[in-house]
Protein backbone atom coordinates (compact mmCIF):
# COMPACT_ATOMS: atom_id res chain seq x y z
CA UNK A 1 -26.88 12.05 20.62
CA UNK A 2 -23.62 13.76 19.64
CA UNK A 3 -21.62 10.90 21.14
CA UNK A 4 -23.25 8.47 18.70
CA UNK A 5 -21.97 10.52 15.75
CA UNK A 6 -18.45 10.62 17.20
CA UNK A 7 -18.43 6.85 17.66
CA UNK A 8 -19.80 6.38 14.13
CA UNK A 9 -17.19 8.71 12.67
CA UNK A 10 -14.31 7.04 14.51
CA UNK A 11 -15.59 3.59 13.49
CA UNK A 12 -15.87 4.69 9.87
CA UNK A 13 -12.32 6.05 9.90
CA UNK A 14 -11.05 2.79 11.41
CA UNK A 15 -12.87 0.77 8.73
CA UNK A 16 -11.35 2.94 6.00
CA UNK A 17 -7.94 2.44 7.57
CA UNK A 18 -8.36 -1.35 7.61
CA UNK A 19 -9.55 -1.46 4.01
CA UNK A 20 -6.81 0.91 2.84
CA UNK A 21 -4.17 -1.01 4.78
CA UNK A 22 -5.30 -4.30 3.26
CA UNK A 23 -5.22 -2.89 -0.27
CA UNK A 24 -1.81 -1.31 0.36
CA UNK A 25 -0.47 -4.58 1.78
CA UNK A 26 -1.49 -6.65 -1.24
CA UNK A 27 -0.42 -4.01 -3.78
CA UNK A 28 2.96 -3.77 -2.12
CA UNK A 29 3.43 -7.52 -2.40
CA UNK A 30 2.28 -7.56 -6.01
CA UNK A 31 4.28 -4.57 -7.17
CA UNK A 32 7.54 -5.67 -5.62
CA UNK A 33 10.22 -3.16 -6.61
CA UNK A 34 13.03 -5.67 -6.09
CA UNK A 35 11.65 -7.78 -8.94
CA UNK A 36 11.90 -4.85 -11.33
CA UNK A 37 15.57 -4.34 -10.47
CA UNK A 38 16.33 -8.06 -10.67
CA UNK A 39 14.49 -8.67 -13.97
CA UNK A 40 15.18 -5.40 -15.83
CA UNK A 41 18.77 -4.73 -14.90
CA UNK A 42 20.34 -1.46 -15.92
CA UNK A 43 23.62 -2.27 -17.58
CA UNK A 44 25.78 0.66 -16.54
CA UNK A 45 28.97 -1.36 -16.92
CA UNK A 46 28.10 -2.46 -20.42
CA UNK A 47 31.01 -2.71 -22.86
CA UNK A 48 30.68 -0.59 -25.97
């Protein structure tokens, strides 16, 4: 009976990993850090 709980626990952890990985994948594509640098440039060489 203990083996059933181990299999259930491992399966649950794998499911959480798949769901978390999917969310992370889509958030990473949506919150692209290169867009922030390209759109909101920091003008360090700005003439005063």
